[in-house]
Amino acid sequence: MSLLNWIFDIYQHTQIDDARKEAAEARREAAAVRSAGGGVDAARLERALGELALATKTLQRVIVEKGICSPDEFKSVLRQVDGEDGARDGRAPLD
């Protein structure tokens, strides 16, 4: 393995570890959407959805601006992923 591959491998593992930590935090935040009585806290849910929308739009913009894909390619893959659960409804299952 060359030095460059080794450095890239370390970088990738760091990114994976960071993603795992962020996923765990997201799970904790999702649990926090519940109120003390077990119901849904609408304000917390709305805030969480707003943060998710912001992150999604940011990622979309970055990959298009960096030339990773075009807006049309992004929309095409989005439609493909949307249909993977059998329903083209603009949503993905949470599981």
C-alpha atoms as a PDB file:
ATOM      1  CA  MET A   1       0.000   0.000   0.000  1.00  0.00           C
ATOM      2  CA  SER A   2       1.400   3.345  -0.981  1.00  0.00           C
ATOM      3  CA  LEU A   3       1.664   6.229   1.443  1.00  0.00           C
ATOM      4  CA  LEU A   4      -1.082   8.096  -0.404  1.00  0.00           C
ATOM      5  CA  ASN A   5      -3.448   5.126  -0.132  1.00  0.00           C
ATOM      6  CA  TRP A   6      -2.610   4.762   3.538  1.00  0.00           C
ATOM      7  CA  ILE A   7      -3.347   8.451   4.213  1.00  0.00           C
ATOM      8  CA  PHE A   8      -6.608   8.223   2.259  1.00  0.00           C
ATOM      9  CA  ASP A   9      -7.570   5.094   4.225  1.00  0.00           C
ATOM     10  CA  ILE A  10      -7.036   6.911   7.528  1.00  0.00           C
ATOM     11  CA  TYR A  11      -9.070   9.842   6.235  1.00  0.00           C
ATOM     12  CA  GLN A  12     -11.926   7.540   5.183  1.00  0.00           C
ATOM     13  CA  HIS A  13     -11.971   5.800   8.562  1.00  0.00           C
ATOM     14  CA  THR A  14     -12.103   9.178  10.284  1.00  0.00           C
ATOM     15  CA  GLN A  15     -15.041  10.175   8.093  1.00  0.00           C
ATOM     16  CA  ILE A  16     -16.825   6.906   8.878  1.00  0.00           C
ATOM     17  CA  ASP A  17     -16.284   7.381  12.606  1.00  0.00           C
ATOM     18  CA  ASP A  18     -17.595  10.943  12.379  1.00  0.00           C
ATOM     19  CA  ALA A  19     -20.671   9.743  10.477  1.00  0.00           C
ATOM     20  CA  ARG A  20     -21.347   7.109  13.135  1.00  0.00           C
ATOM     21  CA  LYS A  21     -21.125   9.742  15.869  1.00  0.00           C
ATOM     22  CA  GLU A  22     -23.463  12.045  13.956  1.00  0.00           C
ATOM     23  CA  ALA A  23     -25.940   9.199  13.437  1.00  0.00           C
ATOM     24  CA  ALA A  24     -25.921   8.421  17.156  1.00  0.00           C
ATOM     25  CA  GLU A  25     -26.535  12.077  17.921  1.00  0.00           C
ATOM     26  CA  ALA A  26     -29.393  12.152  15.414  1.00  0.00           C
ATOM     27  CA  ARG A  27     -30.958   9.139  17.141  1.00  0.00           C
ATOM     28  CA  ARG A  28     -30.676  10.914  20.498  1.00  0.00           C
ATOM     29  CA  GLU A  29     -32.255  14.029  19.025  1.00  0.00           C
ATOM     30  CA  ALA A  30     -35.077  11.979  17.504  1.00  0.00           C
ATOM     31  CA  ALA A  31     -35.803  10.490  20.905  1.00  0.00           C
ATOM     32  CA  ALA A  32     -35.911  14.025  22.317  1.00  0.00           C
ATOM     33  CA  VAL A  33     -38.853  14.861  20.050  1.00  0.00           C
ATOM     34  CA  ARG A  34     -41.071  12.947  22.450  1.00  0.00           C
ATOM     35  CA  SER A  35     -42.701  14.848  25.263  1.00  0.00           C
ATOM     36  CA  ALA A  36     -42.675  13.668  28.874  1.00  0.00           C
ATOM     37  CA  GLY A  37     -46.101  12.075  28.381  1.00  0.00           C
ATOM     38  CA  GLY A  38     -44.913  10.045  25.391  1.00  0.00           C
ATOM     39  CA  GLY A  39     -46.590  12.237  22.787  1.00  0.00           C
ATOM     40  CA  VAL A  40     -44.839  14.201  20.092  1.00  0.00           C
ATOM     41  CA  ASP A  41     -43.518  17.636  20.978  1.00  0.00           C
ATOM     42  CA  ALA A  42     -44.533  19.561  17.856  1.00  0.00           C
ATOM     43  CA  ALA A  43     -42.056  22.413  18.378  1.00  0.00           C
ATOM     44  CA  ARG A  44     -39.125  20.016  18.773  1.00  0.00           C
ATOM     45  CA  LEU A  45     -40.259  18.005  15.775  1.00  0.00           C
ATOM     46  CA  GLU A  46     -40.571  21.126  13.641  1.00  0.00           C
ATOM     47  CA  ARG A  47     -37.106  22.286  14.695  1.00  0.00           C
ATOM     48  CA  ALA A  48     -35.623  18.847  13.905  1.00  0.00           C
ATOM     49  CA  LEU A  49     -37.285  18.806  10.482  1.00  0.00           C
ATOM     50  CA  GLY A  50     -35.973  22.284   9.749  1.00  0.00           C
ATOM     51  CA  GLU A  51     -32.445  21.207  10.656  1.00  0.00           C
ATOM     52  CA  LEU A  52     -32.767  18.121   8.451  1.00  0.00           C
ATOM     53  CA  ALA A  53     -34.061  20.204   5.537  1.00  0.00           C
ATOM     54  CA  LEU A  54     -31.158  22.631   5.943  1.00  0.00           C
ATOM     55  CA  ALA A  55     -28.595  19.820   5.997  1.00  0.00           C
ATOM     56  CA  THR A  56     -30.148  18.160   2.945  1.00  0.00           C
ATOM     57  CA  LYS A  57     -30.243  21.373   0.922  1.00  0.00           C
ATOM     58  CA  THR A  58     -26.655  22.136   1.929  1.00  0.00           C
ATOM     59  CA  LEU A  59     -25.426  18.708   0.813  1.00  0.00           C
ATOM     60  CA  GLN A  60     -27.305  18.998  -2.467  1.00  0.00           C
ATOM     61  CA  ARG A  61     -25.807  22.406  -3.164  1.00  0.00           C
ATOM     62  CA  VAL A  62     -22.271  21.296  -2.292  1.00  0.00           C
ATOM     63  CA  ILE A  63     -22.316  18.241  -4.556  1.00  0.00           C
ATOM     64  CA  VAL A  64     -23.708  20.260  -7.454  1.00  0.00           C
ATOM     65  CA  GLU A  65     -21.319  23.198  -6.955  1.00  0.00           C
ATOM     66  CA  LYS A  66     -18.315  20.864  -6.676  1.00  0.00           C
ATOM     67  CA  GLY A  67     -19.347  19.230  -9.934  1.00  0.00           C
ATOM     68  CA  ILE A  68     -19.955  15.821  -8.405  1.00  0.00           C
ATOM     69  CA  CYS A  69     -23.249  15.727 -10.249  1.00  0.00           C
ATOM     70  CA  SER A  70     -25.514  18.074 -12.150  1.00  0.00           C
ATOM     71  CA  PRO A  71     -28.877  19.251 -10.831  1.00  0.00           C
ATOM     72  CA  ASP A  72     -30.584  16.979 -13.373  1.00  0.00           C
ATOM     73  CA  GLU A  73     -28.520  13.978 -12.250  1.00  0.00           C
ATOM     74  CA  PHE A  74     -29.427  14.714  -8.646  1.00  0.00           C
ATOM     75  CA  LYS A  75     -33.140  14.903  -9.488  1.00  0.00           C
ATOM     76  CA  SER A  76     -32.926  11.680 -11.490  1.00  0.00           C
ATOM     77  CA  VAL A  77     -31.307   9.755  -8.636  1.00  0.00           C
ATOM     78  CA  LEU A  78     -33.732  11.331  -6.164  1.00  0.00           C
ATOM     79  CA  ARG A  79     -36.677  10.022  -8.230  1.00  0.00           C
ATOM     80  CA  GLN A  80     -35.018   6.609  -8.443  1.00  0.00           C
ATOM     81  CA  VAL A  81     -34.458   6.421  -4.674  1.00  0.00           C
ATOM     82  CA  ASP A  82     -37.984   7.703  -4.049  1.00  0.00           C
ATOM     83  CA  GLY A  83     -39.415   4.750  -5.981  1.00  0.00           C
ATOM     84  CA  GLU A  84     -37.318   2.088  -4.273  1.00  0.00           C
ATOM     85  CA  ASP A  85     -39.929   1.549  -1.566  1.00  0.00           C
ATOM     86  CA  GLY A  86     -42.641   1.043  -4.185  1.00  0.00           C
ATOM     87  CA  ALA A  87     -44.272   4.436  -3.693  1.00  0.00           C
ATOM     88  CA  ARG A  88     -43.193   7.578  -5.531  1.00  0.00           C
ATOM     89  CA  ASP A  89     -44.400   9.928  -2.832  1.00  0.00           C
ATOM     90  CA  GLY A  90     -41.437  12.250  -2.222  1.00  0.00           C
ATOM     91  CA  ARG A  91     -40.520  10.439   0.983  1.00  0.00           C
ATOM     92  CA  ALA A  92     -38.264   7.624   2.112  1.00  0.00           C
ATOM     93  CA  PRO A  93     -39.066   5.125   4.834  1.00  0.00           C
ATOM     94  CA  LEU A  94     -37.305   5.771   8.128  1.00  0.00           C
ATOM     95  CA  ASP A  95     -36.006   2.227   8.505  1.00  0.00           C
END
